[in-house]
Amino acid sequence: MKSTSRFHLPLYAFIVLAFVMCALPVDAHLYSTGMGPFYDGLMHFLISPEDIVPVLALALLAGLRGASYGRRALFTLPVAWLFGGLAGLSAMTTRPHPFIAAAWFLMLGGLLAADAKVSLRVTTALAALLGVYHGYLDGAGMGQFETASVGLLGLVFAIFVLIALAAAFVVRLRADWARIAVRVAGSWIAASGLLMLGWAVRTR
């Protein structure tokens, strides 16, 4: 049984890395679902690996540290993302810098893989910075304020749900092997950041 699980681990790692590194079109405008701007914003987050992976890494890191960390991330990150998005609505369309995107993957993935004993204050600061930065990028160039603001609410709702589910799941883990599996996910995220960094350097 153990040998079978070890055999499948590289396959799972490859699938995750392929999903993270897949080339998706980067567009500040909302992805159109045909169900309204709220669902457009929600879908925009779900199909953006550069957004969803750092949020997931932060949620898992907060979950490893405990319930109080999870609650702080649950409310800090969505609020910061919303404020960053509202600030970005008045800006011109912008694209994320590849080195900064890779840095978020490396930093959050590395902290998660190392099970770093970060303080609650540091976790809050990371959540606020991640939210403001990515929120600003998402808000820039979204279009008219009325439509874009509703889209931002959908996007923030998706973030809230993801953090709540991921952090609550990890907080309940007690077995050492389960917590190690979460840390392995962090190593995959950090490895994805290294690949992104190498690709960015090569294409410059």
N, C-alpha and C. Protein backbone atom coordinates (compact mmCIF):
# COMPACT_ATOMS: atom_id res chain seq x y z
N MET A 1 0.84 -1.22 0.00
CA MET A 1 0.00 0.00 0.00
C MET A 1 0.86 1.25 0.00
N LYS A 2 1.92 1.22 0.85
CA LYS A 2 2.80 2.38 0.94
C LYS A 2 3.56 2.59 -0.35
N SER A 3 4.00 1.47 -0.99
CA SER A 3 4.74 1.60 -2.24
C SER A 3 3.86 2.16 -3.35
N THR A 4 2.56 1.78 -3.34
CA THR A 4 1.64 2.33 -4.34
C THR A 4 1.46 3.82 -4.16
N SER A 5 1.34 4.28 -2.91
CA SER A 5 1.18 5.71 -2.63
C SER A 5 2.41 6.48 -3.07
N ARG A 6 3.59 5.90 -2.80
CA ARG A 6 4.82 6.58 -3.21
C ARG A 6 4.93 6.66 -4.73
N PHE A 7 4.42 5.63 -5.42
CA PHE A 7 4.46 5.63 -6.87
C PHE A 7 3.61 6.75 -7.45
N HIS A 8 2.47 7.02 -6.81
CA HIS A 8 1.54 8.02 -7.34
C HIS A 8 1.94 9.44 -6.96
N LEU A 9 2.78 9.64 -5.95
CA LEU A 9 3.14 11.00 -5.54
C LEU A 9 3.76 11.82 -6.66
N PRO A 10 4.76 11.29 -7.42
CA PRO A 10 5.30 12.10 -8.53
C PRO A 10 4.25 12.46 -9.57
N LEU A 11 3.30 11.53 -9.80
CA LEU A 11 2.24 11.82 -10.77
C LEU A 11 1.37 12.96 -10.30
N TYR A 12 0.99 12.94 -9.00
CA TYR A 12 0.19 14.02 -8.44
C TYR A 12 0.94 15.34 -8.51
N ALA A 13 2.23 15.29 -8.21
CA ALA A 13 3.04 16.51 -8.25
C ALA A 13 3.07 17.08 -9.67
N PHE A 14 3.21 16.20 -10.66
CA PHE A 14 3.24 16.67 -12.05
C PHE A 14 1.92 17.30 -12.44
N ILE A 15 0.81 16.71 -12.02
CA ILE A 15 -0.51 17.25 -12.36
C ILE A 15 -0.69 18.63 -11.75
N VAL A 16 -0.30 18.77 -10.47
CA VAL A 16 -0.43 20.07 -9.81
C VAL A 16 0.44 21.12 -10.50
N LEU A 17 1.69 20.77 -10.80
CA LEU A 17 2.58 21.73 -11.46
C LEU A 17 2.07 22.10 -12.84
N ALA A 18 1.54 21.11 -13.56
CA ALA A 18 1.00 21.41 -14.89
C ALA A 18 -0.18 22.37 -14.80
N PHE A 19 -1.02 22.17 -13.78
CA PHE A 19 -2.17 23.07 -13.61
C PHE A 19 -1.70 24.49 -13.27
N VAL A 20 -0.72 24.57 -12.38
CA VAL A 20 -0.24 25.89 -11.95
C VAL A 20 0.45 26.63 -13.07
N MET A 21 1.23 25.90 -13.87
CA MET A 21 2.04 26.55 -14.89
C MET A 21 1.34 26.64 -16.24
N CYS A 22 0.11 26.15 -16.32
CA CYS A 22 -0.57 26.19 -17.61
C CYS A 22 -0.73 27.62 -18.08
N ALA A 23 -0.59 27.81 -19.37
CA ALA A 23 -0.63 29.16 -19.94
C ALA A 23 -2.07 29.59 -20.12
N LEU A 24 -2.54 30.43 -19.22
CA LEU A 24 -3.87 31.01 -19.33
C LEU A 24 -3.75 32.46 -19.74
N PRO A 25 -4.68 32.97 -20.54
CA PRO A 25 -4.61 34.37 -20.93
C PRO A 25 -4.78 35.29 -19.74
N VAL A 26 -3.87 36.26 -19.60
CA VAL A 26 -3.95 37.23 -18.51
C VAL A 26 -4.74 38.42 -19.00
N ASP A 27 -5.89 38.65 -18.37
CA ASP A 27 -6.77 39.73 -18.80
C ASP A 27 -7.38 40.36 -17.57
N ALA A 28 -7.25 41.67 -17.46
CA ALA A 28 -7.80 42.35 -16.29
C ALA A 28 -9.31 42.38 -16.33
N HIS A 29 -9.89 42.27 -17.52
CA HIS A 29 -11.34 42.31 -17.63
C HIS A 29 -11.94 41.01 -17.11
N LEU A 30 -13.18 41.08 -16.64
CA LEU A 30 -13.82 39.92 -16.05
C LEU A 30 -14.10 38.86 -17.11
N TYR A 31 -13.90 37.61 -16.70
CA TYR A 31 -14.28 36.48 -17.54
C TYR A 31 -15.80 36.41 -17.61
N SER A 32 -16.35 36.36 -18.80
CA SER A 32 -17.80 36.40 -18.96
C SER A 32 -18.39 35.01 -18.84
N THR A 33 -19.24 34.81 -17.82
CA THR A 33 -19.93 33.54 -17.63
C THR A 33 -21.34 33.58 -18.18
N GLY A 34 -21.86 34.79 -18.45
CA GLY A 34 -23.23 34.94 -18.88
C GLY A 34 -24.22 34.94 -17.73
N MET A 35 -23.72 34.89 -16.49
CA MET A 35 -24.60 34.86 -15.32
C MET A 35 -24.51 36.14 -14.49
N GLY A 36 -23.84 37.16 -15.02
CA GLY A 36 -23.74 38.41 -14.30
C GLY A 36 -22.35 38.66 -13.76
N PRO A 37 -22.06 39.92 -13.39
CA PRO A 37 -20.71 40.29 -12.96
C PRO A 37 -20.26 39.60 -11.68
N PHE A 38 -21.18 39.27 -10.77
CA PHE A 38 -20.77 38.59 -9.53
C PHE A 38 -20.12 37.25 -9.84
N TYR A 39 -20.76 36.46 -10.69
CA TYR A 39 -20.21 35.16 -11.06
C TYR A 39 -19.02 35.31 -11.99
N ASP A 40 -18.99 36.39 -12.77
CA ASP A 40 -17.81 36.66 -13.59
C ASP A 40 -16.57 36.85 -12.72
N GLY A 41 -16.73 37.63 -11.65
CA GLY A 41 -15.61 37.85 -10.73
C GLY A 41 -15.20 36.58 -10.03
N LEU A 42 -16.18 35.78 -9.63
CA LEU A 42 -15.88 34.51 -8.97
C LEU A 42 -15.09 33.60 -9.91
N MET A 43 -15.53 33.50 -11.15
CA MET A 43 -14.85 32.65 -12.11
C MET A 43 -13.47 33.19 -12.46
N HIS A 44 -13.33 34.50 -12.49
CA HIS A 44 -12.03 35.12 -12.77
C HIS A 44 -10.99 34.64 -11.77
N PHE A 45 -11.38 34.55 -10.51
CA PHE A 45 -10.45 34.08 -9.48
C PHE A 45 -10.14 32.60 -9.66
N LEU A 46 -11.15 31.79 -9.94
CA LEU A 46 -10.97 30.35 -10.00
C LEU A 46 -10.11 29.91 -11.17
N ILE A 47 -10.05 30.70 -12.24
CA ILE A 47 -9.24 30.31 -13.41
C ILE A 47 -7.93 31.07 -13.47
N SER A 48 -7.54 31.73 -12.39
CA SER A 48 -6.29 32.50 -12.36
C SER A 48 -5.32 31.85 -11.38
N PRO A 49 -4.44 30.96 -11.85
CA PRO A 49 -3.49 30.30 -10.94
C PRO A 49 -2.61 31.28 -10.17
N GLU A 50 -2.28 32.42 -10.80
CA GLU A 50 -1.43 33.39 -10.12
C GLU A 50 -2.13 34.04 -8.93
N ASP A 51 -3.46 33.93 -8.88
CA ASP A 51 -4.24 34.42 -7.75
C ASP A 51 -4.55 33.30 -6.75
N ILE A 52 -5.05 32.20 -7.25
CA ILE A 52 -5.60 31.18 -6.37
C ILE A 52 -4.51 30.41 -5.61
N VAL A 53 -3.35 30.20 -6.23
CA VAL A 53 -2.31 29.40 -5.57
C VAL A 53 -1.72 30.12 -4.36
N PRO A 54 -1.34 31.42 -4.45
CA PRO A 54 -0.87 32.09 -3.22
C PRO A 54 -1.92 32.15 -2.13
N VAL A 55 -3.19 32.35 -2.50
CA VAL A 55 -4.26 32.37 -1.49
C VAL A 55 -4.35 31.02 -0.80
N LEU A 56 -4.28 29.94 -1.58
CA LEU A 56 -4.34 28.61 -1.01
C LEU A 56 -3.15 28.36 -0.09
N ALA A 57 -1.96 28.79 -0.51
CA ALA A 57 -0.77 28.61 0.31
C ALA A 57 -0.89 29.34 1.64
N LEU A 58 -1.40 30.57 1.59
CA LEU A 58 -1.56 31.34 2.83
C LEU A 58 -2.60 30.68 3.73
N ALA A 59 -3.68 30.18 3.15
CA ALA A 59 -4.72 29.52 3.94
C ALA A 59 -4.18 28.26 4.61
N LEU A 60 -3.39 27.47 3.88
CA LEU A 60 -2.81 26.26 4.46
C LEU A 60 -1.81 26.60 5.56
N LEU A 61 -1.01 27.65 5.33
CA LEU A 61 -0.05 28.08 6.35
C LEU A 61 -0.76 28.53 7.61
N ALA A 62 -1.82 29.31 7.44
CA ALA A 62 -2.59 29.77 8.60
C ALA A 62 -3.23 28.59 9.33
N GLY A 63 -3.71 27.62 8.57
CA GLY A 63 -4.31 26.45 9.19
C GLY A 63 -3.32 25.65 10.01
N LEU A 64 -2.08 25.53 9.52
CA LEU A 64 -1.06 24.82 10.29
C LEU A 64 -0.75 25.51 11.61
N ARG A 65 -0.85 26.84 11.61
CA ARG A 65 -0.51 27.59 12.82
C ARG A 65 -1.63 27.59 13.85
N GLY A 66 -2.89 27.36 13.43
CA GLY A 66 -3.97 27.28 14.40
C GLY A 66 -5.20 28.06 14.00
N ALA A 67 -6.26 27.90 14.79
CA ALA A 67 -7.55 28.51 14.46
C ALA A 67 -7.50 30.03 14.46
N SER A 68 -6.76 30.62 15.40
CA SER A 68 -6.70 32.09 15.45
C SER A 68 -6.03 32.66 14.21
N TYR A 69 -5.03 31.97 13.68
CA TYR A 69 -4.37 32.40 12.45
C TYR A 69 -5.34 32.27 11.27
N GLY A 70 -6.08 31.17 11.25
CA GLY A 70 -7.04 30.97 10.18
C GLY A 70 -8.10 32.04 10.16
N ARG A 71 -8.61 32.41 11.34
CA ARG A 71 -9.62 33.47 11.40
C ARG A 71 -9.06 34.80 10.96
N ARG A 72 -7.81 35.10 11.34
CA ARG A 72 -7.22 36.37 10.93
C ARG A 72 -7.05 36.44 9.42
N ALA A 73 -6.55 35.36 8.81
CA ALA A 73 -6.42 35.33 7.35
C ALA A 73 -7.77 35.39 6.67
N LEU A 74 -8.77 34.74 7.26
CA LEU A 74 -10.10 34.67 6.66
C LEU A 74 -10.71 36.06 6.46
N PHE A 75 -10.45 36.97 7.39
CA PHE A 75 -11.05 38.30 7.29
C PHE A 75 -10.09 39.34 6.71
N THR A 76 -8.79 39.18 6.96
CA THR A 76 -7.82 40.18 6.49
C THR A 76 -7.64 40.13 4.98
N LEU A 77 -7.43 38.94 4.44
CA LEU A 77 -7.14 38.83 3.01
C LEU A 77 -8.28 39.30 2.11
N PRO A 78 -9.52 38.84 2.32
CA PRO A 78 -10.60 39.32 1.45
C PRO A 78 -10.82 40.83 1.54
N VAL A 79 -10.74 41.39 2.76
CA VAL A 79 -10.94 42.84 2.90
C VAL A 79 -9.82 43.61 2.20
N ALA A 80 -8.57 43.17 2.37
CA ALA A 80 -7.46 43.83 1.70
C ALA A 80 -7.59 43.70 0.19
N TRP A 81 -8.04 42.55 -0.28
CA TRP A 81 -8.22 42.33 -1.73
C TRP A 81 -9.28 43.27 -2.27
N LEU A 82 -10.35 43.44 -1.51
CA LEU A 82 -11.42 44.33 -1.95
C LEU A 82 -10.94 45.78 -2.04
N PHE A 83 -10.24 46.24 -1.01
CA PHE A 83 -9.73 47.61 -1.04
C PHE A 83 -8.71 47.80 -2.16
N GLY A 84 -7.84 46.81 -2.35
CA GLY A 84 -6.88 46.90 -3.45
C GLY A 84 -7.57 46.93 -4.80
N GLY A 85 -8.63 46.11 -4.95
CA GLY A 85 -9.36 46.10 -6.21
C GLY A 85 -10.08 47.40 -6.47
N LEU A 86 -10.68 47.98 -5.44
CA LEU A 86 -11.36 49.27 -5.61
C LEU A 86 -10.36 50.36 -5.98
N ALA A 87 -9.16 50.30 -5.38
CA ALA A 87 -8.13 51.28 -5.74
C ALA A 87 -7.66 51.09 -7.17
N GLY A 88 -7.64 49.84 -7.63
CA GLY A 88 -7.17 49.58 -8.99
C GLY A 88 -8.18 49.89 -10.06
N LEU A 89 -9.45 50.10 -9.71
CA LEU A 89 -10.47 50.37 -10.72
C LEU A 89 -10.20 51.65 -11.48
N SER A 90 -9.54 52.61 -10.83
CA SER A 90 -9.25 53.88 -11.49
C SER A 90 -7.94 53.86 -12.24
N ALA A 91 -7.22 52.74 -12.20
CA ALA A 91 -5.91 52.66 -12.85
C ALA A 91 -6.06 52.10 -14.25
N MET A 92 -5.03 52.29 -15.04
CA MET A 92 -4.99 51.70 -16.37
C MET A 92 -4.72 50.21 -16.25
N THR A 93 -5.02 49.47 -17.31
CA THR A 93 -4.77 48.03 -17.32
C THR A 93 -3.29 47.77 -17.06
N THR A 94 -3.01 46.85 -16.16
CA THR A 94 -1.64 46.51 -15.83
C THR A 94 -1.47 45.01 -15.77
N ARG A 95 -0.25 44.57 -15.88
CA ARG A 95 0.05 43.14 -15.86
C ARG A 95 0.96 42.84 -14.67
N PRO A 96 0.80 41.69 -14.04
CA PRO A 96 1.65 41.36 -12.90
C PRO A 96 3.10 41.17 -13.34
N HIS A 97 4.03 41.65 -12.53
CA HIS A 97 5.44 41.46 -12.83
C HIS A 97 5.80 40.00 -12.56
N PRO A 98 6.42 39.31 -13.52
CA PRO A 98 6.68 37.87 -13.34
C PRO A 98 7.56 37.57 -12.14
N PHE A 99 8.50 38.46 -11.81
CA PHE A 99 9.37 38.21 -10.67
C PHE A 99 8.61 38.32 -9.35
N ILE A 100 7.67 39.26 -9.28
CA ILE A 100 6.88 39.40 -8.05
C ILE A 100 5.94 38.21 -7.89
N ALA A 101 5.33 37.78 -8.99
CA ALA A 101 4.46 36.60 -8.94
C ALA A 101 5.24 35.38 -8.47
N ALA A 102 6.45 35.20 -9.01
CA ALA A 102 7.28 34.07 -8.59
C ALA A 102 7.69 34.20 -7.13
N ALA A 103 7.93 35.44 -6.68
CA ALA A 103 8.32 35.66 -5.29
C ALA A 103 7.23 35.25 -4.32
N TRP A 104 5.96 35.53 -4.68
CA TRP A 104 4.86 35.11 -3.81
C TRP A 104 4.79 33.60 -3.71
N PHE A 105 4.95 32.90 -4.83
CA PHE A 105 4.95 31.44 -4.83
C PHE A 105 6.09 30.91 -3.96
N LEU A 106 7.28 31.47 -4.17
CA LEU A 106 8.45 31.00 -3.43
C LEU A 106 8.32 31.26 -1.94
N MET A 107 7.90 32.46 -1.58
CA MET A 107 7.85 32.83 -0.17
C MET A 107 6.78 32.04 0.58
N LEU A 108 5.54 32.08 0.07
CA LEU A 108 4.45 31.39 0.76
C LEU A 108 4.62 29.88 0.70
N GLY A 109 5.05 29.37 -0.45
CA GLY A 109 5.30 27.93 -0.55
C GLY A 109 6.43 27.48 0.35
N GLY A 110 7.50 28.32 0.43
CA GLY A 110 8.62 27.98 1.30
C GLY A 110 8.24 27.99 2.77
N LEU A 111 7.48 29.01 3.18
CA LEU A 111 7.03 29.07 4.58
C LEU A 111 6.15 27.88 4.93
N LEU A 112 5.29 27.50 3.99
CA LEU A 112 4.41 26.35 4.22
C LEU A 112 5.21 25.06 4.29
N ALA A 113 6.14 24.88 3.37
CA ALA A 113 6.95 23.66 3.35
C ALA A 113 7.79 23.53 4.62
N ALA A 114 8.29 24.66 5.12
CA ALA A 114 9.12 24.64 6.32
C ALA A 114 8.30 24.62 7.61
N ASP A 115 6.98 24.73 7.49
CA ASP A 115 6.11 24.85 8.66
C ASP A 115 6.64 25.95 9.58
N ALA A 116 6.92 27.11 8.96
CA ALA A 116 7.55 28.22 9.68
C ALA A 116 6.66 28.71 10.81
N LYS A 117 7.28 28.97 11.94
CA LYS A 117 6.54 29.45 13.12
C LYS A 117 6.38 30.97 13.04
N VAL A 118 5.66 31.43 12.04
CA VAL A 118 5.45 32.87 11.86
C VAL A 118 4.45 33.36 12.91
N SER A 119 4.61 34.60 13.32
CA SER A 119 3.72 35.18 14.32
C SER A 119 2.38 35.56 13.69
N LEU A 120 1.41 35.82 14.53
CA LEU A 120 0.10 36.25 14.04
C LEU A 120 0.20 37.60 13.34
N ARG A 121 1.07 38.46 13.83
CA ARG A 121 1.26 39.77 13.20
C ARG A 121 1.85 39.63 11.80
N VAL A 122 2.82 38.74 11.64
CA VAL A 122 3.44 38.53 10.33
C VAL A 122 2.42 37.92 9.37
N THR A 123 1.64 36.98 9.85
CA THR A 123 0.61 36.37 9.01
C THR A 123 -0.41 37.41 8.54
N THR A 124 -0.78 38.30 9.44
CA THR A 124 -1.71 39.37 9.08
C THR A 124 -1.11 40.29 8.03
N ALA A 125 0.17 40.63 8.20
CA ALA A 125 0.85 41.50 7.25
C ALA A 125 0.94 40.84 5.87
N LEU A 126 1.26 39.56 5.85
CA LEU A 126 1.33 38.84 4.58
C LEU A 126 -0.02 38.82 3.88
N ALA A 127 -1.08 38.58 4.66
CA ALA A 127 -2.43 38.56 4.09
C ALA A 127 -2.81 39.92 3.53
N ALA A 128 -2.48 40.98 4.25
CA ALA A 128 -2.81 42.33 3.80
C ALA A 128 -2.04 42.69 2.53
N LEU A 129 -0.74 42.40 2.51
CA LEU A 129 0.08 42.72 1.33
C LEU A 129 -0.37 41.92 0.12
N LEU A 130 -0.61 40.63 0.32
CA LEU A 130 -1.07 39.79 -0.80
C LEU A 130 -2.40 40.29 -1.34
N GLY A 131 -3.31 40.65 -0.44
CA GLY A 131 -4.62 41.11 -0.86
C GLY A 131 -4.57 42.44 -1.61
N VAL A 132 -3.84 43.40 -1.08
CA VAL A 132 -3.76 44.71 -1.73
C VAL A 132 -3.09 44.61 -3.09
N TYR A 133 -1.99 43.86 -3.16
CA TYR A 133 -1.26 43.75 -4.43
C TYR A 133 -2.09 43.07 -5.51
N HIS A 134 -2.60 41.88 -5.20
CA HIS A 134 -3.36 41.14 -6.22
C HIS A 134 -4.72 41.79 -6.47
N GLY A 135 -5.30 42.39 -5.45
CA GLY A 135 -6.55 43.09 -5.67
C GLY A 135 -6.38 44.26 -6.62
N TYR A 136 -5.29 44.99 -6.46
CA TYR A 136 -5.03 46.12 -7.35
C TYR A 136 -4.88 45.64 -8.80
N LEU A 137 -4.14 44.54 -8.98
CA LEU A 137 -3.96 44.00 -10.33
C LEU A 137 -5.28 43.55 -10.93
N ASP A 138 -6.12 42.93 -10.11
CA ASP A 138 -7.42 42.47 -10.63
C ASP A 138 -8.35 43.64 -10.94
N GLY A 139 -8.29 44.68 -10.12
CA GLY A 139 -9.18 45.81 -10.33
C GLY A 139 -8.80 46.69 -11.50
N ALA A 140 -7.50 46.73 -11.82
CA ALA A 140 -7.03 47.63 -12.87
C ALA A 140 -7.60 47.23 -14.23
N GLY A 141 -8.29 48.14 -14.86
CA GLY A 141 -8.79 47.91 -16.20
C GLY A 141 -10.03 47.04 -16.28
N MET A 142 -10.72 46.81 -15.17
CA MET A 142 -11.91 45.95 -15.19
C MET A 142 -13.08 46.58 -15.94
N GLY A 143 -13.10 47.89 -16.01
CA GLY A 143 -14.19 48.53 -16.73
C GLY A 143 -14.96 49.49 -15.85
N GLN A 144 -16.26 49.64 -16.13
CA GLN A 144 -17.10 50.58 -15.39
C GLN A 144 -17.20 50.20 -13.92
N PHE A 145 -17.27 51.21 -13.08
CA PHE A 145 -17.22 50.98 -11.64
C PHE A 145 -18.37 50.10 -11.16
N GLU A 146 -19.58 50.34 -11.65
CA GLU A 146 -20.74 49.61 -11.17
C GLU A 146 -20.58 48.10 -11.43
N THR A 147 -20.23 47.76 -12.65
CA THR A 147 -20.07 46.34 -13.00
C THR A 147 -18.86 45.73 -12.32
N ALA A 148 -17.74 46.47 -12.35
CA ALA A 148 -16.50 45.94 -11.79
C ALA A 148 -16.58 45.75 -10.28
N SER A 149 -17.26 46.64 -9.59
CA SER A 149 -17.36 46.52 -8.14
C SER A 149 -18.15 45.27 -7.75
N VAL A 150 -19.19 44.95 -8.52
CA VAL A 150 -19.94 43.72 -8.25
C VAL A 150 -19.06 42.51 -8.56
N GLY A 151 -18.29 42.59 -9.63
CA GLY A 151 -17.36 41.52 -9.95
C GLY A 151 -16.33 41.30 -8.86
N LEU A 152 -15.85 42.40 -8.28
CA LEU A 152 -14.90 42.29 -7.17
C LEU A 152 -15.53 41.59 -5.96
N LEU A 153 -16.80 41.86 -5.72
CA LEU A 153 -17.49 41.18 -4.61
C LEU A 153 -17.54 39.67 -4.85
N GLY A 154 -17.80 39.27 -6.08
CA GLY A 154 -17.79 37.85 -6.39
C GLY A 154 -16.42 37.23 -6.22
N LEU A 155 -15.40 37.96 -6.64
CA LEU A 155 -14.03 37.49 -6.49
C LEU A 155 -13.66 37.35 -5.01
N VAL A 156 -14.00 38.36 -4.22
CA VAL A 156 -13.70 38.33 -2.78
C VAL A 156 -14.48 37.21 -2.08
N PHE A 157 -15.71 36.97 -2.53
CA PHE A 157 -16.48 35.87 -1.96
C PHE A 157 -15.79 34.53 -2.19
N ALA A 158 -15.25 34.34 -3.40
CA ALA A 158 -14.53 33.10 -3.71
C ALA A 158 -13.30 32.95 -2.82
N ILE A 159 -12.59 34.06 -2.58
CA ILE A 159 -11.42 34.03 -1.70
C ILE A 159 -11.83 33.64 -0.29
N PHE A 160 -12.89 34.25 0.20
CA PHE A 160 -13.38 33.97 1.55
C PHE A 160 -13.71 32.49 1.72
N VAL A 161 -14.41 31.92 0.75
CA VAL A 161 -14.81 30.52 0.83
C VAL A 161 -13.59 29.61 0.78
N LEU A 162 -12.63 29.92 -0.11
CA LEU A 162 -11.44 29.08 -0.23
C LEU A 162 -10.63 29.08 1.06
N ILE A 163 -10.44 30.25 1.65
CA ILE A 163 -9.68 30.32 2.90
C ILE A 163 -10.41 29.58 4.01
N ALA A 164 -11.72 29.78 4.10
CA ALA A 164 -12.50 29.13 5.15
C ALA A 164 -12.39 27.61 5.05
N LEU A 165 -12.53 27.07 3.85
CA LEU A 165 -12.49 25.63 3.67
C LEU A 165 -11.09 25.07 3.90
N ALA A 166 -10.08 25.71 3.29
CA ALA A 166 -8.71 25.19 3.38
C ALA A 166 -8.16 25.29 4.80
N ALA A 167 -8.31 26.46 5.41
CA ALA A 167 -7.78 26.64 6.76
C ALA A 167 -8.49 25.75 7.77
N ALA A 168 -9.82 25.65 7.68
CA ALA A 168 -10.57 24.80 8.60
C ALA A 168 -10.19 23.33 8.44
N PHE A 169 -9.94 22.92 7.21
CA PHE A 169 -9.53 21.53 6.97
C PHE A 169 -8.19 21.24 7.63
N VAL A 170 -7.23 22.15 7.50
CA VAL A 170 -5.89 21.91 8.04
C VAL A 170 -5.88 22.02 9.56
N VAL A 171 -6.65 22.94 10.11
CA VAL A 171 -6.69 23.12 11.56
C VAL A 171 -7.09 21.81 12.26
N ARG A 172 -7.95 21.05 11.63
CA ARG A 172 -8.45 19.82 12.25
C ARG A 172 -7.48 18.66 12.14
N LEU A 173 -6.43 18.80 11.34
CA LEU A 173 -5.48 17.70 11.15
C LEU A 173 -4.64 17.51 12.41
N ARG A 174 -4.53 16.28 12.86
CA ARG A 174 -3.71 15.96 14.02
C ARG A 174 -2.61 14.96 13.70
N ALA A 175 -2.86 14.09 12.74
CA ALA A 175 -1.87 13.08 12.37
C ALA A 175 -0.65 13.74 11.73
N ASP A 176 0.53 13.27 12.09
CA ASP A 176 1.77 13.84 11.55
C ASP A 176 1.84 13.69 10.05
N TRP A 177 1.40 12.54 9.53
CA TRP A 177 1.52 12.31 8.10
C TRP A 177 0.63 13.28 7.31
N ALA A 178 -0.52 13.64 7.88
CA ALA A 178 -1.43 14.56 7.21
C ALA A 178 -0.83 15.97 7.15
N ARG A 179 -0.22 16.39 8.23
CA ARG A 179 0.40 17.72 8.25
C ARG A 179 1.61 17.75 7.33
N ILE A 180 2.33 16.64 7.24
CA ILE A 180 3.46 16.56 6.31
C ILE A 180 2.96 16.66 4.87
N ALA A 181 1.82 16.05 4.57
CA ALA A 181 1.26 16.15 3.22
C ALA A 181 0.94 17.59 2.86
N VAL A 182 0.46 18.37 3.83
CA VAL A 182 0.21 19.79 3.58
C VAL A 182 1.52 20.51 3.29
N ARG A 183 2.56 20.18 4.02
CA ARG A 183 3.87 20.80 3.79
C ARG A 183 4.44 20.41 2.43
N VAL A 184 4.16 19.18 1.99
CA VAL A 184 4.60 18.76 0.65
C VAL A 184 3.94 19.62 -0.41
N ALA A 185 2.65 19.95 -0.20
CA ALA A 185 1.97 20.85 -1.14
C ALA A 185 2.68 22.19 -1.19
N GLY A 186 3.18 22.66 -0.04
CA GLY A 186 3.95 23.90 -0.02
C GLY A 186 5.23 23.79 -0.82
N SER A 187 5.88 22.64 -0.76
CA SER A 187 7.11 22.47 -1.55
C SER A 187 6.82 22.49 -3.04
N TRP A 188 5.66 21.95 -3.43
CA TRP A 188 5.28 22.00 -4.85
C TRP A 188 5.03 23.44 -5.29
N ILE A 189 4.40 24.22 -4.42
CA ILE A 189 4.15 25.63 -4.74
C ILE A 189 5.46 26.38 -4.88
N ALA A 190 6.40 26.13 -3.95
CA ALA A 190 7.70 26.78 -4.03
C ALA A 190 8.45 26.35 -5.29
N ALA A 191 8.35 25.07 -5.64
CA ALA A 191 8.99 24.59 -6.87
C ALA A 191 8.38 25.27 -8.10
N SER A 192 7.06 25.49 -8.07
CA SER A 192 6.42 26.20 -9.17
C SER A 192 6.96 27.63 -9.27
N GLY A 193 7.21 28.26 -8.10
CA GLY A 193 7.80 29.59 -8.10
C GLY A 193 9.18 29.61 -8.72
N LEU A 194 9.97 28.57 -8.46
CA LEU A 194 11.30 28.49 -9.08
C LEU A 194 11.20 28.36 -10.59
N LEU A 195 10.24 27.55 -11.04
CA LEU A 195 10.04 27.40 -12.49
C LEU A 195 9.60 28.72 -13.11
N MET A 196 8.69 29.42 -12.44
CA MET A 196 8.24 30.72 -12.93
C MET A 196 9.40 31.72 -12.99
N LEU A 197 10.24 31.70 -11.95
CA LEU A 197 11.38 32.61 -11.92
C LEU A 197 12.35 32.30 -13.04
N GLY A 198 12.64 31.03 -13.25
CA GLY A 198 13.55 30.65 -14.33
C GLY A 198 12.99 31.02 -15.69
N TRP A 199 11.69 30.82 -15.88
CA TRP A 199 11.07 31.19 -17.15
C TRP A 199 11.12 32.69 -17.36
N ALA A 200 10.88 33.46 -16.31
CA ALA A 200 10.91 34.92 -16.42
C ALA A 200 12.30 35.42 -16.78
N VAL A 201 13.32 34.82 -16.17
CA VAL A 201 14.69 35.22 -16.46
C VAL A 201 15.05 34.86 -17.91
N ARG A 202 14.61 33.71 -18.35
CA ARG A 202 14.94 33.26 -19.70
C ARG A 202 14.29 34.12 -20.78
N THR A 203 13.07 34.60 -20.52
CA THR A 203 12.34 35.34 -21.53
C THR A 203 12.65 36.83 -21.51
N ARG A 204 13.45 37.29 -20.60
CA ARG A 204 13.78 38.72 -20.56
C ARG A 204 14.82 39.05 -21.62
